[in-house]
Amino acid sequence: MALHFELVTPERLVLSQDVYMVTVPGTEGDFGVLQGHAPFMSTIRDGALHVYDSNGAAPREIHVVGGFAEVGENGLTVLAERVIED
């Protein structure tokens, strides 16, 4: 099963797709989210999200500045203040 992941800024929807796992730079430490994760909410610090498209795949890095992460029935939503695109 896949985890539905959305990355949103105040300006736009940056990414919306099904992935295997995402690691998030939480303010109290990094945390990983897989499909079926318990409901959870955290503030995030400036850093990199690591997005794994499939089990064993190399992660993509997406740099974010501040915001919140919420895990719920619909998957993981990261509401970032800003996304730094390379």
N, C-alpha and C. Protein backbone atom coordinates (compact mmCIF):
# COMPACT_ATOMS: atom_id res chain seq x y z
N MET A 1 0.84 -1.18 0.00
CA MET A 1 0.00 0.00 0.00
C MET A 1 0.88 1.25 0.00
N ALA A 2 0.35 2.32 -0.54
CA ALA A 2 1.12 3.55 -0.66
C ALA A 2 0.59 4.62 0.30
N LEU A 3 1.48 5.51 0.64
CA LEU A 3 1.16 6.66 1.47
C LEU A 3 0.86 7.84 0.55
N HIS A 4 -0.29 8.49 0.74
CA HIS A 4 -0.57 9.68 -0.05
C HIS A 4 0.13 10.87 0.62
N PHE A 5 0.94 11.59 -0.16
CA PHE A 5 1.75 12.70 0.35
C PHE A 5 1.43 13.97 -0.42
N GLU A 6 1.18 15.05 0.33
CA GLU A 6 0.97 16.36 -0.28
C GLU A 6 1.90 17.36 0.38
N LEU A 7 2.55 18.17 -0.43
CA LEU A 7 3.39 19.26 0.02
C LEU A 7 2.78 20.54 -0.50
N VAL A 8 2.45 21.44 0.43
CA VAL A 8 1.71 22.65 0.10
C VAL A 8 2.43 23.86 0.69
N THR A 9 2.46 24.97 -0.07
CA THR A 9 2.92 26.25 0.45
C THR A 9 1.74 27.21 0.36
N PRO A 10 1.85 28.40 0.96
CA PRO A 10 0.74 29.35 0.83
C PRO A 10 0.42 29.71 -0.62
N GLU A 11 1.40 29.58 -1.51
CA GLU A 11 1.21 29.96 -2.90
C GLU A 11 0.64 28.86 -3.79
N ARG A 12 0.98 27.57 -3.46
CA ARG A 12 0.59 26.52 -4.41
C ARG A 12 0.72 25.12 -3.82
N LEU A 13 0.13 24.19 -4.52
CA LEU A 13 0.32 22.77 -4.24
C LEU A 13 1.60 22.36 -4.97
N VAL A 14 2.63 21.99 -4.23
CA VAL A 14 3.93 21.66 -4.82
C VAL A 14 3.95 20.23 -5.32
N LEU A 15 3.40 19.30 -4.52
CA LEU A 15 3.46 17.89 -4.86
C LEU A 15 2.26 17.17 -4.27
N SER A 16 1.68 16.27 -5.02
CA SER A 16 0.60 15.42 -4.54
C SER A 16 0.74 14.08 -5.25
N GLN A 17 1.19 13.05 -4.48
CA GLN A 17 1.38 11.75 -5.10
C GLN A 17 1.45 10.66 -4.04
N ASP A 18 1.30 9.42 -4.48
CA ASP A 18 1.45 8.27 -3.60
C ASP A 18 2.93 7.89 -3.57
N VAL A 19 3.45 7.67 -2.36
CA VAL A 19 4.86 7.33 -2.17
C VAL A 19 4.95 6.19 -1.17
N TYR A 20 6.16 5.66 -1.01
CA TYR A 20 6.38 4.60 -0.03
C TYR A 20 6.56 5.17 1.37
N MET A 21 7.45 6.19 1.50
CA MET A 21 7.75 6.76 2.81
C MET A 21 8.28 8.18 2.65
N VAL A 22 8.07 9.00 3.69
CA VAL A 22 8.64 10.34 3.74
C VAL A 22 9.26 10.53 5.12
N THR A 23 10.48 11.08 5.16
CA THR A 23 11.04 11.50 6.45
C THR A 23 10.95 13.02 6.50
N VAL A 24 10.58 13.52 7.68
CA VAL A 24 10.27 14.93 7.86
C VAL A 24 11.18 15.50 8.95
N PRO A 25 11.74 16.71 8.75
CA PRO A 25 12.56 17.33 9.78
C PRO A 25 11.70 18.02 10.85
N GLY A 26 11.25 17.25 11.82
CA GLY A 26 10.44 17.80 12.90
C GLY A 26 11.28 18.66 13.83
N THR A 27 10.63 19.58 14.54
CA THR A 27 11.38 20.45 15.45
C THR A 27 12.00 19.68 16.60
N GLU A 28 11.45 18.52 16.92
CA GLU A 28 12.02 17.70 18.00
C GLU A 28 12.76 16.48 17.47
N GLY A 29 13.05 16.48 16.19
CA GLY A 29 13.78 15.38 15.57
C GLY A 29 13.10 14.89 14.31
N ASP A 30 13.86 14.26 13.44
CA ASP A 30 13.31 13.73 12.20
C ASP A 30 12.38 12.56 12.51
N PHE A 31 11.34 12.40 11.69
CA PHE A 31 10.45 11.26 11.84
C PHE A 31 10.04 10.76 10.46
N GLY A 32 9.83 9.45 10.37
CA GLY A 32 9.42 8.82 9.13
C GLY A 32 7.95 8.46 9.17
N VAL A 33 7.31 8.56 8.01
CA VAL A 33 5.89 8.25 7.90
C VAL A 33 5.69 7.23 6.78
N LEU A 34 5.06 6.12 7.13
CA LEU A 34 4.64 5.09 6.18
C LEU A 34 3.12 5.02 6.18
N GLN A 35 2.55 4.34 5.20
CA GLN A 35 1.11 4.10 5.16
C GLN A 35 0.67 3.45 6.47
N GLY A 36 -0.43 3.91 7.05
CA GLY A 36 -0.95 3.33 8.28
C GLY A 36 -0.41 3.96 9.55
N HIS A 37 0.40 5.00 9.42
CA HIS A 37 0.95 5.69 10.59
C HIS A 37 -0.19 6.26 11.44
N ALA A 38 -0.02 6.25 12.74
CA ALA A 38 -1.02 6.82 13.65
C ALA A 38 -1.16 8.32 13.39
N PRO A 39 -2.34 8.88 13.63
CA PRO A 39 -2.52 10.33 13.47
C PRO A 39 -1.50 11.09 14.32
N PHE A 40 -0.98 12.17 13.74
CA PHE A 40 0.15 12.85 14.36
C PHE A 40 0.24 14.25 13.77
N MET A 41 0.68 15.21 14.57
CA MET A 41 0.92 16.56 14.06
C MET A 41 2.19 17.10 14.69
N SER A 42 3.00 17.81 13.90
CA SER A 42 4.26 18.35 14.39
C SER A 42 4.60 19.63 13.63
N THR A 43 5.30 20.53 14.31
CA THR A 43 5.91 21.63 13.59
C THR A 43 7.18 21.09 12.95
N ILE A 44 7.60 21.75 11.88
CA ILE A 44 8.83 21.30 11.21
C ILE A 44 9.85 22.43 11.22
N ARG A 45 11.13 22.02 11.21
CA ARG A 45 12.21 22.99 11.15
C ARG A 45 12.71 23.07 9.71
N ASP A 46 13.51 24.08 9.45
CA ASP A 46 14.13 24.20 8.12
C ASP A 46 14.99 22.96 7.88
N GLY A 47 14.84 22.36 6.73
CA GLY A 47 15.60 21.15 6.43
C GLY A 47 15.07 20.48 5.19
N ALA A 48 15.41 19.20 5.05
CA ALA A 48 15.05 18.46 3.85
C ALA A 48 14.05 17.35 4.17
N LEU A 49 12.99 17.30 3.37
CA LEU A 49 12.11 16.14 3.35
C LEU A 49 12.82 15.10 2.48
N HIS A 50 12.76 13.84 2.87
CA HIS A 50 13.29 12.76 2.04
C HIS A 50 12.10 11.93 1.59
N VAL A 51 11.87 11.91 0.28
CA VAL A 51 10.71 11.24 -0.29
C VAL A 51 11.17 9.96 -0.99
N TYR A 52 10.69 8.82 -0.50
CA TYR A 52 11.01 7.52 -1.08
C TYR A 52 9.82 7.06 -1.93
N ASP A 53 10.03 6.99 -3.24
CA ASP A 53 8.93 6.60 -4.14
C ASP A 53 8.56 5.14 -4.00
N SER A 54 9.54 4.28 -3.65
CA SER A 54 9.26 2.86 -3.46
C SER A 54 10.24 2.31 -2.42
N ASN A 55 9.94 1.13 -1.90
CA ASN A 55 10.80 0.49 -0.92
C ASN A 55 12.16 0.22 -1.54
N GLY A 56 13.22 0.70 -0.91
CA GLY A 56 14.57 0.49 -1.41
C GLY A 56 15.05 1.54 -2.39
N ALA A 57 14.18 2.46 -2.80
CA ALA A 57 14.57 3.50 -3.75
C ALA A 57 15.40 4.57 -3.04
N ALA A 58 16.26 5.22 -3.79
CA ALA A 58 17.01 6.36 -3.25
C ALA A 58 16.03 7.52 -3.06
N PRO A 59 16.17 8.26 -1.96
CA PRO A 59 15.21 9.35 -1.71
C PRO A 59 15.49 10.59 -2.55
N ARG A 60 14.41 11.32 -2.81
CA ARG A 60 14.51 12.67 -3.38
C ARG A 60 14.53 13.62 -2.20
N GLU A 61 15.31 14.68 -2.26
CA GLU A 61 15.33 15.69 -1.21
C GLU A 61 14.56 16.91 -1.67
N ILE A 62 13.70 17.39 -0.79
CA ILE A 62 12.96 18.62 -1.04
C ILE A 62 13.20 19.50 0.18
N HIS A 63 13.84 20.65 -0.01
CA HIS A 63 14.17 21.53 1.10
C HIS A 63 13.00 22.45 1.42
N VAL A 64 12.66 22.49 2.71
CA VAL A 64 11.52 23.30 3.17
C VAL A 64 11.98 24.26 4.26
N VAL A 65 11.23 25.33 4.41
CA VAL A 65 11.46 26.32 5.45
C VAL A 65 10.20 26.40 6.31
N GLY A 66 10.31 25.96 7.55
CA GLY A 66 9.23 26.06 8.52
C GLY A 66 7.93 25.42 8.09
N GLY A 67 6.99 25.36 9.03
CA GLY A 67 5.66 24.87 8.72
C GLY A 67 5.19 23.79 9.67
N PHE A 68 4.25 22.99 9.18
CA PHE A 68 3.62 21.93 9.96
C PHE A 68 3.52 20.67 9.12
N ALA A 69 3.47 19.53 9.80
CA ALA A 69 3.21 18.25 9.16
C ALA A 69 2.05 17.60 9.88
N GLU A 70 1.12 17.03 9.12
CA GLU A 70 -0.01 16.34 9.72
C GLU A 70 -0.20 14.98 9.06
N VAL A 71 -0.28 13.95 9.88
CA VAL A 71 -0.58 12.61 9.41
C VAL A 71 -2.00 12.32 9.83
N GLY A 72 -2.82 11.93 8.87
CA GLY A 72 -4.22 11.62 9.15
C GLY A 72 -4.70 10.48 8.27
N GLU A 73 -6.00 10.31 8.23
CA GLU A 73 -6.60 9.24 7.42
C GLU A 73 -6.24 9.35 5.95
N ASN A 74 -6.03 10.58 5.47
CA ASN A 74 -5.74 10.80 4.05
C ASN A 74 -4.26 10.75 3.72
N GLY A 75 -3.40 10.46 4.71
CA GLY A 75 -1.97 10.39 4.46
C GLY A 75 -1.22 11.50 5.16
N LEU A 76 -0.13 11.95 4.57
CA LEU A 76 0.74 12.98 5.13
C LEU A 76 0.59 14.27 4.34
N THR A 77 0.34 15.35 5.06
CA THR A 77 0.32 16.68 4.45
C THR A 77 1.36 17.53 5.15
N VAL A 78 2.24 18.13 4.36
CA VAL A 78 3.23 19.07 4.89
C VAL A 78 2.84 20.46 4.39
N LEU A 79 2.60 21.36 5.33
CA LEU A 79 2.25 22.73 5.02
C LEU A 79 3.51 23.56 5.31
N ALA A 80 4.29 23.81 4.29
CA ALA A 80 5.58 24.51 4.46
C ALA A 80 5.41 25.99 4.19
N GLU A 81 6.15 26.79 4.95
CA GLU A 81 6.16 28.24 4.69
C GLU A 81 6.74 28.51 3.32
N ARG A 82 7.77 27.73 2.96
CA ARG A 82 8.43 27.92 1.67
C ARG A 82 9.15 26.64 1.28
N VAL A 83 9.22 26.39 -0.02
CA VAL A 83 9.99 25.27 -0.57
C VAL A 83 11.14 25.88 -1.37
N ILE A 84 12.35 25.40 -1.11
CA ILE A 84 13.53 25.89 -1.83
C ILE A 84 13.81 24.90 -2.95
N GLU A 85 13.61 25.35 -4.17
CA GLU A 85 13.79 24.47 -5.32
C GLU A 85 15.16 24.72 -5.94
N ASP A 86 15.84 23.62 -6.24
CA ASP A 86 17.18 23.72 -6.81
C ASP A 86 17.15 24.09 -8.25
